[in-house]
Protein backbone atom coordinates (compact mmCIF):
# COMPACT_ATOMS: atom_id res chain seq x y z
CA UNK A 1 159.78 83.68 -171.83
CA UNK A 2 163.63 84.26 -170.95
CA UNK A 3 163.87 87.37 -173.13
CA UNK A 4 160.48 88.66 -171.75
CA UNK A 5 162.08 88.32 -168.00
CA UNK A 6 165.25 89.89 -169.01
CA UNK A 7 163.64 92.88 -170.62
CA UNK A 8 161.26 93.40 -167.53
CA UNK A 9 163.63 92.48 -164.94
CA UNK A 10 164.56 95.69 -162.68
CA UNK A 11 167.60 97.68 -163.87
CA UNK A 12 169.54 96.65 -160.82
CA UNK A 13 169.25 93.07 -161.91
CA UNK A 14 170.01 93.70 -165.71
CA UNK A 15 173.17 95.60 -164.80
CA UNK A 16 174.73 93.09 -162.49
CA UNK A 17 178.26 92.51 -163.80
CA UNK A 18 179.30 89.07 -164.95
CA UNK A 19 183.00 89.27 -164.56
CA UNK A 20 185.35 90.48 -161.53
CA UNK A 21 186.95 93.16 -163.81
CA UNK A 22 183.54 94.92 -164.02
CA UNK A 23 182.72 94.59 -160.53
CA UNK A 24 182.57 97.94 -158.37
CA UNK A 25 183.82 98.33 -154.96
CA UNK A 26 185.13 95.93 -152.42
CA UNK A 27 188.55 96.33 -153.72
CA UNK A 28 190.01 94.67 -150.39
CA UNK A 29 188.68 91.62 -151.78
CA UNK A 30 188.62 91.94 -155.45
CA UNK A 31 191.71 94.03 -156.03
CA UNK A 32 194.92 92.43 -157.97
CA UNK A 33 196.45 90.05 -155.50
CA UNK A 34 193.64 90.17 -152.93
CA UNK A 35 191.69 87.06 -151.68
CA UNK A 36 188.87 86.58 -154.25
CA UNK A 37 191.09 87.48 -157.33
CA UNK A 38 193.77 85.09 -156.08
CA UNK A 39 191.12 82.29 -155.55
CA UNK A 40 189.74 82.54 -158.99
CA UNK A 41 193.30 82.50 -160.55
CA UNK A 42 193.67 79.18 -158.66
CA UNK A 43 190.50 78.00 -160.09
CA UNK A 44 189.01 76.82 -156.77
CA UNK A 45 187.31 78.35 -153.86
CA UNK A 46 186.33 77.15 -150.18
CA UNK A 47 183.20 77.68 -148.49
CA UNK A 48 182.61 81.47 -147.89
CA UNK A 49 180.30 83.58 -145.79
CA UNK A 50 179.66 87.12 -147.43
CA UNK A 51 178.64 89.48 -144.75
CA UNK A 52 177.62 92.82 -145.72
CA UNK A 53 174.84 95.46 -145.92
CA UNK A 54 172.06 95.33 -148.77
CA UNK A 55 173.44 96.31 -152.04
CA UNK A 56 177.12 95.76 -151.52
CA UNK A 57 177.46 93.00 -154.13
CA UNK A 58 177.12 89.68 -152.16
CA UNK A 59 174.86 87.90 -154.62
CA UNK A 60 176.93 89.57 -157.60
CA UNK A 61 180.30 88.31 -156.22
CA UNK A 62 178.81 84.73 -155.82
CA UNK A 63 177.54 84.56 -159.36
CA UNK A 64 180.86 85.98 -160.81
CA UNK A 65 182.87 83.24 -158.85
CA UNK A 66 180.40 80.51 -160.06
CA UNK A 67 180.51 81.84 -163.60
CA UNK A 68 184.25 82.31 -163.86
CA UNK A 69 185.14 78.78 -162.54
CA UNK A 70 184.12 75.65 -164.02
CA UNK A 71 181.51 74.58 -161.38
CA UNK A 72 177.84 73.68 -160.81
CA UNK A 73 176.24 76.76 -159.35
CA UNK A 74 172.93 76.07 -157.27
CA UNK A 75 171.10 79.14 -156.16
CA UNK A 76 169.24 78.64 -152.85
CA UNK A 77 167.03 81.18 -151.11
CA UNK A 78 166.60 80.69 -147.31
CA UNK A 79 163.27 82.55 -147.57
CA UNK A 80 161.77 80.13 -150.14
CA UNK A 81 163.60 76.83 -149.53
CA UNK A 82 163.74 74.31 -146.69
CA UNK A 83 165.54 71.09 -145.62
CA UNK A 84 163.62 69.22 -148.20
CA UNK A 85 165.21 71.04 -150.84
CA UNK A 86 168.60 70.60 -149.34
CA UNK A 87 168.20 66.75 -149.23
CA UNK A 88 167.19 66.80 -152.98
CA UNK A 89 170.32 69.01 -153.86
CA UNK A 90 172.65 66.51 -151.81
CA UNK A 91 171.04 63.32 -153.61
CA UNK A 92 171.48 65.14 -156.99
CA UNK A 93 175.03 65.98 -156.32
CA UNK A 94 175.73 62.49 -154.96
CA UNK A 95 174.30 60.80 -158.22
CA UNK A 96 176.37 62.87 -160.45
CA UNK A 97 178.54 60.96 -163.09
CA UNK A 98 182.12 60.76 -161.64
CA UNK A 99 183.57 61.33 -165.05
CA UNK A 100 181.88 64.72 -165.32
CA UNK A 101 181.45 65.68 -161.76
CA UNK A 102 182.41 69.31 -161.11
CA UNK A 103 182.56 71.29 -157.80
CA UNK A 104 179.16 72.04 -156.66
CA UNK A 105 178.66 75.55 -155.09
CA UNK A 106 175.49 76.15 -153.25
CA UNK A 107 174.84 79.83 -152.71
CA UNK A 108 172.30 80.41 -149.81
CA UNK A 109 170.99 83.88 -149.92
CA UNK A 110 169.97 85.29 -146.68
CA UNK A 111 171.56 82.34 -144.68
CA UNK A 112 170.72 84.02 -141.41
CA UNK A 113 167.04 83.17 -142.06
CA UNK A 114 167.73 79.57 -141.55
CA UNK A 115 167.27 78.08 -138.07
CA UNK A 116 169.71 76.08 -136.30
CA UNK A 117 168.33 72.71 -137.48
CA UNK A 118 168.16 73.89 -141.09
CA UNK A 119 171.82 74.99 -140.97
CA UNK A 120 172.77 71.69 -139.51
CA UNK A 121 171.60 70.00 -142.61
CA UNK A 122 174.32 71.72 -144.56
CA UNK A 123 177.13 70.76 -142.16
CA UNK A 124 178.05 67.06 -143.14
CA UNK A 125 177.96 67.94 -146.83
CA UNK A 126 180.12 70.95 -146.52
CA UNK A 127 182.52 69.09 -144.16
CA UNK A 128 182.81 66.09 -146.51
CA UNK A 129 183.40 68.45 -149.45
CA UNK A 130 180.41 67.39 -151.50
CA UNK A 131 179.10 71.01 -151.33
CA UNK A 132 180.97 74.22 -151.19
CA UNK A 133 178.90 76.75 -149.38
CA UNK A 134 178.64 80.37 -150.12
CA UNK A 135 176.16 81.97 -147.67
CA UNK A 136 175.14 85.63 -148.00
CA UNK A 137 173.86 87.67 -144.92
CA UNK A 138 173.29 90.98 -143.89
CA UNK A 139 173.38 90.15 -140.18
CA UNK A 140 176.52 89.35 -138.11
CA UNK A 141 177.31 85.54 -138.57
CA UNK A 142 178.59 85.45 -135.06
CA UNK A 143 174.98 85.46 -134.02
CA UNK A 144 173.13 84.03 -136.88
CA UNK A 145 175.21 81.23 -138.12
CA UNK A 146 175.94 78.08 -136.08
CA UNK A 147 179.57 77.71 -134.78
CA UNK A 148 180.34 74.53 -136.77
CA UNK A 149 179.61 76.10 -140.15
CA UNK A 150 181.39 79.29 -139.23
CA UNK A 151 184.41 77.24 -138.41
CA UNK A 152 184.27 75.60 -141.82
CA UNK A 153 183.62 78.85 -144.00
CA UNK A 154 185.83 81.97 -144.25
CA UNK A 155 183.95 85.10 -143.48
CA UNK A 156 184.40 87.85 -145.96
CA UNK A 157 183.13 91.38 -144.87
CA UNK A 158 181.71 93.61 -147.49
CA UNK A 159 181.58 97.41 -146.85
CA UNK A 160 178.86 99.82 -147.98
CA UNK A 161 179.59 101.22 -151.30
CA UNK A 162 181.21 104.70 -151.44
CA UNK A 163 179.51 107.69 -153.17
CA UNK A 164 182.20 107.39 -156.03
CA UNK A 165 181.31 103.70 -156.40
CA UNK A 166 177.53 104.37 -156.70
CA UNK A 167 178.25 107.21 -159.21
CA UNK A 168 180.45 104.74 -161.48
CA UNK A 169 177.54 102.31 -161.40
CA UNK A 170 174.96 104.85 -162.14
CA UNK A 171 176.94 106.43 -165.11
CA UNK A 172 177.43 103.00 -166.47
CA UNK A 173 173.78 102.16 -166.46
CA UNK A 174 173.00 105.41 -168.30
CA UNK A 175 175.16 104.54 -171.26
CA UNK A 176 174.85 100.97 -171.38
CA UNK A 177 172.62 100.15 -174.56
CA UNK A 178 172.38 96.43 -173.95
CA UNK A 179 171.23 96.05 -170.24
CA UNK A 180 170.92 99.62 -169.10
CA UNK A 181 169.29 102.85 -170.06
CA UNK A 182 171.64 103.87 -172.94
CA UNK A 183 168.85 103.59 -175.73
CA UNK A 184 167.05 106.30 -174.00
CA UNK A 185 169.68 108.88 -174.56
CA UNK A 186 169.53 110.15 -170.92
CA UNK A 187 172.11 112.26 -169.11
CA UNK A 188 172.13 113.34 -165.37
CA UNK A 189 173.03 116.50 -163.74
CA UNK A 190 176.18 116.44 -161.52
CA UNK A 191 173.91 117.48 -158.63
CA UNK A 192 171.59 114.71 -159.39
CA UNK A 193 174.48 112.13 -159.29
CA UNK A 194 175.67 113.54 -155.96
CA UNK A 195 172.28 113.48 -154.49
CA UNK A 196 171.59 109.84 -155.81
CA UNK A 197 174.94 108.69 -154.27
CA UNK A 198 173.92 110.07 -151.00
CA UNK A 199 170.35 108.83 -151.03
CA UNK A 200 171.60 105.24 -151.96
CA UNK A 201 173.59 105.14 -148.52
CA UNK A 202 176.01 102.44 -150.00
CA UNK A 203 173.42 100.51 -151.59
CA UNK A 204 173.76 100.06 -155.36
CA UNK A 205 170.41 98.39 -155.83
CA UNK A 206 168.64 101.42 -154.21
CA UNK A 207 170.62 103.73 -156.45
CA UNK A 208 169.76 101.86 -159.67
CA UNK A 209 166.13 101.58 -158.78
CA UNK A 210 165.77 105.24 -158.01
CA UNK A 211 167.62 105.92 -161.28
CA UNK A 212 165.06 103.66 -163.28
CA UNK A 213 162.05 105.43 -161.55
CA UNK A 214 163.65 109.01 -162.26
CA UNK A 215 164.03 107.86 -166.07
CA UNK A 216 160.33 106.76 -166.10
CA UNK A 217 159.18 110.08 -164.86
CA UNK A 218 160.98 111.94 -167.60
CA UNK A 219 158.37 112.70 -170.21
CA UNK A 220 159.12 111.39 -173.78
CA UNK A 221 158.22 114.72 -175.15
CA UNK A 222 160.47 116.73 -172.96
CA UNK A 223 162.97 118.94 -174.93
CA UNK A 224 165.98 117.76 -172.95
CA UNK A 225 166.28 113.99 -171.47
CA UNK A 226 168.21 115.13 -168.51
CA UNK A 227 167.70 113.64 -164.98
CA UNK A 228 167.69 116.56 -162.56
CA UNK A 229 168.18 116.99 -158.75
CA UNK A 230 164.56 117.58 -158.62
CA UNK A 231 163.67 114.44 -160.42
CA UNK A 232 165.85 112.32 -158.19
CA UNK A 233 164.24 113.93 -155.15
CA UNK A 234 160.75 113.01 -156.53
CA UNK A 235 161.87 109.51 -157.27
CA UNK A 236 163.43 108.82 -153.98
CA UNK A 237 160.72 110.45 -152.08
CA UNK A 238 162.78 110.18 -148.76
CA UNK A 239 166.08 108.69 -147.65
CA UNK A 240 165.85 105.21 -146.00
CA UNK A 241 168.74 104.61 -143.57
CA UNK A 242 170.18 101.25 -143.13
CA UNK A 243 168.65 99.98 -140.08
CA UNK A 244 167.10 96.91 -138.46
CA UNK A 245 165.46 97.15 -135.10
CA UNK A 246 166.25 93.64 -134.24
CA UNK A 247 169.69 93.30 -135.98
CA UNK A 248 173.25 94.38 -135.35
CA UNK A 249 172.92 97.82 -136.73
CA UNK A 250 170.42 98.50 -133.90
CA UNK A 251 173.09 97.32 -131.17
CA UNK A 252 175.64 99.15 -132.97
CA UNK A 253 173.76 102.58 -132.87
CA UNK A 254 172.56 102.41 -129.29
CA UNK A 255 176.25 101.42 -128.23
CA UNK A 256 177.18 104.51 -130.07
CA UNK A 257 174.77 106.57 -128.26
CA UNK A 258 175.59 104.88 -124.90
CA UNK A 259 179.27 105.48 -125.21
CA UNK A 260 179.03 109.04 -126.46
CA UNK A 261 176.92 110.14 -123.52
CA UNK A 262 179.29 108.07 -121.07
CA UNK A 263 182.41 109.86 -122.59
CA UNK A 264 180.51 113.23 -121.95
CA UNK A 265 180.23 114.22 -125.78
CA UNK A 266 176.77 115.82 -126.27
CA UNK A 267 177.39 116.37 -129.98
CA UNK A 268 178.04 112.47 -130.64
CA UNK A 269 175.23 111.58 -128.35
CA UNK A 270 172.89 114.07 -130.16
CA UNK A 271 173.83 112.63 -133.49
CA UNK A 272 173.43 108.93 -132.72
CA UNK A 273 169.93 109.78 -131.11
CA UNK A 274 168.59 111.39 -134.31
CA UNK A 275 170.23 108.58 -136.43
CA UNK A 276 168.19 106.08 -134.43
CA UNK A 277 164.90 108.17 -134.55
CA UNK A 278 165.24 108.79 -138.27
CA UNK A 279 165.95 105.02 -138.96
CA UNK A 280 162.71 104.13 -137.22
CA UNK A 281 163.68 103.06 -133.83
CA UNK A 282 160.97 103.08 -131.12
CA UNK A 283 161.55 106.07 -129.13
CA UNK A 284 160.34 104.54 -125.82
CA UNK A 285 162.96 101.89 -126.20
CA UNK A 286 165.67 104.65 -126.27
CA UNK A 287 163.96 106.46 -123.22
CA UNK A 288 164.27 103.19 -121.33
CA UNK A 289 167.94 103.04 -122.16
CA UNK A 290 168.28 106.59 -120.80
CA UNK A 291 166.71 105.70 -117.44
CA UNK A 292 169.17 102.84 -117.25
CA UNK A 293 172.12 105.14 -118.32
CA UNK A 294 171.16 107.72 -115.59
CA UNK A 295 171.59 105.13 -112.78
CA UNK A 296 174.67 103.15 -114.46
CA UNK A 297 176.91 105.90 -115.71
CA UNK A 298 175.69 109.01 -113.86
CA UNK A 299 174.40 107.88 -110.67
CA UNK A 300 174.65 109.93 -107.56
CA UNK A 301 176.97 112.17 -109.25
CA UNK A 302 174.00 113.93 -110.48
CA UNK A 303 170.94 112.31 -108.80
CA UNK A 304 168.78 114.65 -110.98
CA UNK A 305 169.81 112.80 -113.95
CA UNK A 306 167.35 109.79 -113.23
CA UNK A 307 164.62 112.48 -112.74
CA UNK A 308 165.49 113.90 -116.05
CA UNK A 309 165.36 110.61 -117.73
CA UNK A 310 162.00 109.54 -116.27
CA UNK A 311 160.45 113.14 -117.10
CA UNK A 312 161.80 112.66 -120.66
CA UNK A 313 159.92 109.22 -121.13
CA UNK A 314 156.73 110.70 -119.44
CA UNK A 315 156.99 113.66 -121.93
CA UNK A 316 157.38 111.52 -124.91
CA UNK A 317 154.55 109.30 -123.67
CA UNK A 318 152.37 112.33 -123.61
CA UNK A 319 153.38 114.20 -126.76
CA UNK A 320 154.48 111.37 -129.20
CA UNK A 321 156.46 111.99 -132.32
CA UNK A 322 157.70 114.41 -133.34
CA UNK A 323 156.99 116.85 -130.57
CA UNK A 324 158.17 114.63 -127.86
CA UNK A 325 161.45 113.68 -129.69
CA UNK A 326 162.97 117.02 -128.32
CA UNK A 327 162.42 115.85 -124.75
CA UNK A 328 164.60 112.79 -125.64
CA UNK A 329 167.34 115.22 -127.00
CA UNK A 330 167.25 117.32 -123.88
CA UNK A 331 167.68 114.12 -121.73
CA UNK A 332 170.45 112.81 -123.96
CA UNK A 333 172.38 116.12 -123.82
CA UNK A 334 171.71 116.54 -120.10
CA UNK A 335 173.11 113.02 -119.33
CA UNK A 336 176.13 113.47 -121.68
CA UNK A 337 177.07 116.86 -119.85
CA UNK A 338 176.43 115.40 -116.38
CA UNK A 339 179.27 114.43 -113.96
CA UNK A 340 179.65 110.71 -114.25
CA UNK A 341 179.96 107.85 -111.77
CA UNK A 342 179.69 103.89 -112.19
CA UNK A 343 180.01 103.42 -108.39
CA UNK A 344 176.45 102.06 -108.16
CA UNK A 345 177.08 99.61 -110.87
CA UNK A 346 180.39 98.69 -109.33
CA UNK A 347 178.66 98.04 -105.97
CA UNK A 348 176.09 96.07 -107.63
CA UNK A 349 178.46 93.75 -109.08
CA UNK A 350 180.38 93.43 -105.94
CA UNK A 351 177.34 92.66 -103.85
CA UNK A 352 176.10 90.07 -106.48
CA UNK A 353 179.68 88.33 -106.26
CA UNK A 354 179.54 87.89 -102.52
CA UNK A 355 175.96 86.65 -102.33
CA UNK A 356 176.82 84.11 -105.13
CA UNK A 357 179.97 83.15 -102.78
CA UNK A 358 178.47 83.24 -99.38
CA UNK A 359 174.80 82.17 -100.20
CA UNK A 360 172.09 83.00 -97.59
CA UNK A 361 173.88 84.48 -94.77
CA UNK A 362 171.75 84.97 -91.68
CA UNK A 363 170.66 88.58 -90.67
CA UNK A 364 172.60 89.64 -87.52
CA UNK A 365 170.37 89.28 -84.49
CA UNK A 366 170.36 92.97 -83.39
CA UNK A 367 169.02 93.75 -86.94
CA UNK A 368 165.95 91.53 -86.58
CA UNK A 369 162.55 92.64 -85.77
CA UNK A 370 161.09 91.27 -82.60
CA UNK A 371 157.16 91.44 -82.84
CA UNK A 372 156.75 88.66 -80.41
CA UNK A 373 157.71 87.98 -76.75
CA UNK A 374 159.39 84.68 -77.90
CA UNK A 375 161.66 86.50 -80.52
CA UNK A 376 162.67 89.05 -77.93
CA UNK A 377 163.54 86.20 -75.49
CA UNK A 378 165.76 84.34 -77.91
CA UNK A 379 167.62 87.48 -78.76
CA UNK A 380 166.01 89.18 -81.91
CA UNK A 381 166.72 92.97 -81.82
CA UNK A 382 169.09 92.71 -78.90
CA UNK A 383 171.72 95.27 -78.72
CA UNK A 384 170.03 97.31 -81.57
CA UNK A 385 171.01 101.22 -81.32
CA UNK A 386 168.31 103.49 -82.59
CA UNK A 387 169.86 106.24 -84.62
CA UNK A 388 167.52 109.06 -83.57
CA UNK A 389 168.79 108.58 -80.05
CA UNK A 390 172.08 108.82 -80.65
CA UNK A 391 174.42 112.07 -81.16
CA UNK A 392 174.47 113.33 -84.85
CA UNK A 393 172.11 110.58 -85.56
CA UNK A 394 174.90 108.02 -86.03
CA UNK A 395 175.39 104.54 -84.46
CA UNK A 396 178.42 102.37 -84.54
CA UNK A 397 176.92 98.85 -85.23
CA UNK A 398 177.41 96.24 -88.05
CA UNK A 399 174.71 96.08 -90.77
CA UNK A 400 176.18 93.27 -92.79
CA UNK A 401 176.36 89.49 -92.09
CA UNK A 402 179.30 88.56 -89.82
CA UNK A 403 181.12 86.92 -92.58
CA UNK A 404 181.07 90.16 -94.57
CA UNK A 405 181.75 92.41 -91.72
CA UNK A 406 183.68 95.72 -92.71
CA UNK A 407 183.23 95.18 -96.58
CA UNK A 408 182.72 98.48 -98.47
CA UNK A 409 180.58 98.19 -101.52
CA UNK A 410 179.57 101.64 -102.36
CA UNK A 411 182.68 103.85 -103.04
CA UNK A 412 181.42 107.23 -104.39
CA UNK A 413 183.71 109.14 -106.53
CA UNK A 414 184.88 112.93 -106.12
CA UNK A 415 182.82 114.00 -109.06
CA UNK A 416 179.63 115.92 -109.00
CA UNK A 417 177.14 115.53 -106.10
CA UNK A 418 178.95 112.34 -105.22
CA UNK A 419 181.84 114.35 -103.93
CA UNK A 420 179.40 115.78 -101.26
CA UNK A 421 178.30 112.20 -100.47
CA UNK A 422 181.94 111.16 -100.26
CA UNK A 423 183.01 114.04 -97.93
CA UNK A 424 179.72 113.26 -95.82
CA UNK A 425 180.73 109.47 -95.40
CA UNK A 426 184.43 110.39 -94.44
CA UNK A 427 182.95 112.90 -91.77
CA UNK A 428 180.64 110.33 -90.33
CA UNK A 429 183.34 107.65 -90.08
CA UNK A 430 185.69 110.16 -88.23
CA UNK A 431 183.20 110.97 -85.74
CA UNK A 432 182.37 107.33 -85.15
CA UNK A 433 186.08 106.40 -84.73
CA UNK A 434 186.44 109.49 -82.35
CA UNK A 435 183.19 108.24 -80.39
CA UNK A 436 184.93 104.81 -80.07
CA UNK A 437 188.24 106.13 -78.83
CA UNK A 438 186.48 108.21 -76.20
CA UNK A 439 184.58 105.19 -74.97
CA UNK A 440 187.59 103.04 -75.03
CA UNK A 441 189.76 105.56 -73.01
CA UNK A 442 188.93 105.00 -69.23
CA UNK A 443 187.98 108.42 -67.34
CA UNK A 444 190.29 109.83 -64.60
CA UNK A 445 189.19 109.78 -61.16
């Protein structure tokens, strides 16, 4: 049964290296004198959290660590197992014969899928040293692993494999007669290797799966057993970009889009927009973020920006993909090249701060409406100046609660249309000051 499984296992599983010297990539962790090689030399490892994208070698590294050291290695899947299994493992570990007891490494694949309660079940046994935890996750541990476990485990960050790493792994699979495709006598065109390295997008499992499919597509009666560029493209069908609409990469990309627009870089903004769309992001989510951006980062420096963002959403809602995606690109480049102001955002924060500090301050009496005789009698609306009855339509009266009198919240910049607003406000204030001075100066008889 075991031989049958090994023979039928995917190429990526068969080619998994057994020793650190055969491991490709992550030299910042596995190179001479680096953390993992040093830990292996000392013969004991602490609890670790391996954080990296799919196909970067997390499971392989954990297996190499376990195989190299004299330890008991328990593979545990967060998808298939639960708290009952944890309790069983703990009981079995506690009941080991002290004379033959080895370090027990519990490898938890996709540890981010465990909820807080399930992760809590590990905690006392990791803390006591009964279990050494190695967790593998594609998600940021800061968000998906409880703080007590984070403090007891060292986080190791794995990077996507480079194109050169992928080519080394693929070439090795082509010549390996025991675990790879060596017995088939295959070779690969240089262009095919380059394409495969690109399509893999840093994921060696994806590269080996594609290679295995391409090998299966070669006819046994073909004159040459060569994997060509066209064969790789046929096997891959399309490039799948690393993305998770609910994960960290989602937030990384929307952050890159937002910051590119804020920094007035239409090229960067356009690139990140297309990356998100190609990765399968909901276009209407992006449209909503553009509407927010139009107010937060453009504001009154270009009031038309908000209208462009709203029109973009309506256009996409009407057309859908792919036609409506051009409207998103139009809005992104417009907002990126528009003059910028966060004066509205700053004003909002200042106002919220004062509301929190001062509570429900009463509305000044002269600003209150007086629909009844009683309300008029007690002073509602008394002293209110009707702007349209005043010269230039300007009135000199306080509109904030007495405690906040004279506070300035909206301070327009001198960029774009906001410069016009700024000049207008300055002009109005001067007119009101001049009026106040003229009223204060007694007339000569």
